[in-house]
C-alpha atoms as a PDB file:
ATOM      1  CA  UNK A   1      -4.287  32.168   1.702  1.00  0.00           C
ATOM      2  CA  UNK A   2      -7.692  33.591   2.214  1.00  0.00           C
ATOM      3  CA  UNK A   3      -9.982  31.932   4.710  1.00  0.00           C
ATOM      4  CA  UNK A   4     -13.239  30.368   3.613  1.00  0.00           C
ATOM      5  CA  UNK A   5     -15.777  28.585   5.730  1.00  0.00           C
ATOM      6  CA  UNK A   6     -17.016  25.292   4.326  1.00  0.00           C
ATOM      7  CA  UNK A   7     -19.712  22.900   5.639  1.00  0.00           C
ATOM      8  CA  UNK A   8     -18.802  19.267   5.343  1.00  0.00           C
ATOM      9  CA  UNK A   9     -21.078  16.255   5.915  1.00  0.00           C
ATOM     10  CA  UNK A  10     -18.705  13.544   7.174  1.00  0.00           C
ATOM     11  CA  UNK A  11     -18.326  10.942   9.899  1.00  0.00           C
ATOM     12  CA  UNK A  12     -14.674  11.853  10.322  1.00  0.00           C
ATOM     13  CA  UNK A  13     -13.741  13.328  13.715  1.00  0.00           C
ATOM     14  CA  UNK A  14     -13.114  17.082  13.839  1.00  0.00           C
ATOM     15  CA  UNK A  15      -9.477  16.491  14.927  1.00  0.00           C
ATOM     16  CA  UNK A  16      -8.809  14.452  11.774  1.00  0.00           C
ATOM     17  CA  UNK A  17     -10.334  17.116   9.530  1.00  0.00           C
ATOM     18  CA  UNK A  18      -8.322  19.776  11.235  1.00  0.00           C
ATOM     19  CA  UNK A  19      -5.117  17.744  10.720  1.00  0.00           C
ATOM     20  CA  UNK A  20      -5.948  17.354   6.985  1.00  0.00           C
ATOM     21  CA  UNK A  21      -6.778  21.007   6.649  1.00  0.00           C
ATOM     22  CA  UNK A  22      -3.455  21.957   8.239  1.00  0.00           C
ATOM     23  CA  UNK A  23      -1.595  19.782   5.757  1.00  0.00           C
ATOM     24  CA  UNK A  24      -3.366  21.359   2.835  1.00  0.00           C
ATOM     25  CA  UNK A  25      -2.899  24.854   4.289  1.00  0.00           C
ATOM     26  CA  UNK A  26       0.820  24.163   4.575  1.00  0.00           C
ATOM     27  CA  UNK A  27       0.997  23.211   0.909  1.00  0.00           C
ATOM     28  CA  UNK A  28      -1.043  26.284  -0.086  1.00  0.00           C
ATOM     29  CA  UNK A  29       1.286  28.535   1.919  1.00  0.00           C
ATOM     30  CA  UNK A  30       4.311  27.003   0.136  1.00  0.00           C
ATOM     31  CA  UNK A  31       2.661  27.889  -3.182  1.00  0.00           C
ATOM     32  CA  UNK A  32       1.865  31.377  -1.945  1.00  0.00           C
ATOM     33  CA  UNK A  33       5.520  31.854  -0.941  1.00  0.00           C
ATOM     34  CA  UNK A  34       6.581  31.223  -4.527  1.00  0.00           C
ATOM     35  CA  UNK A  35       4.854  34.430  -5.610  1.00  0.00           C
ATOM     36  CA  UNK A  36       1.685  32.694  -6.822  1.00  0.00           C
ATOM     37  CA  UNK A  37      -1.273  35.050  -6.254  1.00  0.00           C
ATOM     38  CA  UNK A  38      -3.888  33.114  -8.218  1.00  0.00           C
ATOM     39  CA  UNK A  39      -5.712  30.947  -5.646  1.00  0.00           C
ATOM     40  CA  UNK A  40      -6.695  28.373  -8.228  1.00  0.00           C
ATOM     41  CA  UNK A  41      -3.092  27.995  -9.364  1.00  0.00           C
ATOM     42  CA  UNK A  42      -1.953  27.729  -5.748  1.00  0.00           C
ATOM     43  CA  UNK A  43      -4.622  25.095  -5.033  1.00  0.00           C
ATOM     44  CA  UNK A  44      -3.601  23.130  -8.125  1.00  0.00           C
ATOM     45  CA  UNK A  45       0.056  23.166  -7.110  1.00  0.00           C
ATOM     46  CA  UNK A  46      -0.848  22.105  -3.572  1.00  0.00           C
ATOM     47  CA  UNK A  47      -2.931  19.234  -4.962  1.00  0.00           C
ATOM     48  CA  UNK A  48      -0.066  18.156  -7.231  1.00  0.00           C
ATOM     49  CA  UNK A  49       2.449  18.262  -4.367  1.00  0.00           C
ATOM     50  CA  UNK A  50       0.107  16.178  -2.163  1.00  0.00           C
ATOM     51  CA  UNK A  51      -0.528  13.704  -4.963  1.00  0.00           C
ATOM     52  CA  UNK A  52       3.265  13.382  -5.535  1.00  0.00           C
ATOM     53  CA  UNK A  53       3.751  12.673  -1.845  1.00  0.00           C
ATOM     54  CA  UNK A  54       0.939  10.066  -1.991  1.00  0.00           C
ATOM     55  CA  UNK A  55       2.481   8.257  -4.940  1.00  0.00           C
ATOM     56  CA  UNK A  56       5.895   8.228  -3.296  1.00  0.00           C
ATOM     57  CA  UNK A  57       4.404   6.821  -0.055  1.00  0.00           C
ATOM     58  CA  UNK A  58       2.513   4.154  -1.993  1.00  0.00           C
ATOM     59  CA  UNK A  59       5.811   3.117  -3.660  1.00  0.00           C
ATOM     60  CA  UNK A  60       7.563   2.836  -0.274  1.00  0.00           C
ATOM     61  CA  UNK A  61       4.635   0.896   1.190  1.00  0.00           C
ATOM     62  CA  UNK A  62       4.717  -1.596  -1.693  1.00  0.00           C
ATOM     63  CA  UNK A  63       8.474  -2.075  -1.252  1.00  0.00           C
ATOM     64  CA  UNK A  64       8.001  -2.763   2.511  1.00  0.00           C
ATOM     65  CA  UNK A  65       5.158  -5.166   1.747  1.00  0.00           C
ATOM     66  CA  UNK A  66       7.260  -7.055  -0.792  1.00  0.00           C
ATOM     67  CA  UNK A  67      10.266  -7.286   1.579  1.00  0.00           C
ATOM     68  CA  UNK A  68       7.929  -8.472   4.355  1.00  0.00           C
ATOM     69  CA  UNK A  69       6.330 -11.038   2.100  1.00  0.00           C
ATOM     70  CA  UNK A  70       9.755 -12.347   1.034  1.00  0.00           C
ATOM     71  CA  UNK A  71      10.949 -12.514   4.669  1.00  0.00           C
ATOM     72  CA  UNK A  72       7.850 -14.460   5.757  1.00  0.00           C
ATOM     73  CA  UNK A  73       8.176 -16.888   2.835  1.00  0.00           C
ATOM     74  CA  UNK A  74      11.879 -17.462   3.620  1.00  0.00           C
ATOM     75  CA  UNK A  75      11.043 -18.024   7.334  1.00  0.00           C
ATOM     76  CA  UNK A  76       8.322 -20.551   6.452  1.00  0.00           C
ATOM     77  CA  UNK A  77      10.727 -22.369   4.159  1.00  0.00           C
ATOM     78  CA  UNK A  78      13.370 -22.563   7.004  1.00  0.00           C
ATOM     79  CA  UNK A  79      10.718 -23.871   9.413  1.00  0.00           C
ATOM     80  CA  UNK A  80       9.528 -26.454   6.905  1.00  0.00           C
ATOM     81  CA  UNK A  81      13.097 -27.525   6.264  1.00  0.00           C
ATOM     82  CA  UNK A  82      13.743 -27.845  10.008  1.00  0.00           C
ATOM     83  CA  UNK A  83      10.582 -29.876  10.459  1.00  0.00           C
ATOM     84  CA  UNK A  84      11.803 -32.346   7.888  1.00  0.00           C
ATOM     85  CA  UNK A  85      14.661 -33.245  10.206  1.00  0.00           C
ATOM     86  CA  UNK A  86      12.547 -33.620  13.352  1.00  0.00           C
ATOM     87  CA  UNK A  87      11.782 -37.164  14.305  1.00  0.00           C
ATOM     88  CA  UNK A  88       8.272 -37.981  15.389  1.00  0.00           C
ATOM     89  CA  UNK A  89       7.944 -39.145  19.061  1.00  0.00           C
END
């Protein structure tokens, strides 16, 4: 895609911004490879692809959080049960 220089006011480190820009550039290049010459259309497709990845990652994170919560609750229940059978000194 064509290069454009933008000025950003941010507290984010340059390395982080460069990483994000590389991810967006990759998505834009994928859109360009599909014979899309309209930069707005390519940017929209890149944004949709990134949003789709974000939603999928959020879903995976929620599943991991739920499994972790269930594991901790089960572990606490086992500890509580074991403590019921411990005699006080």
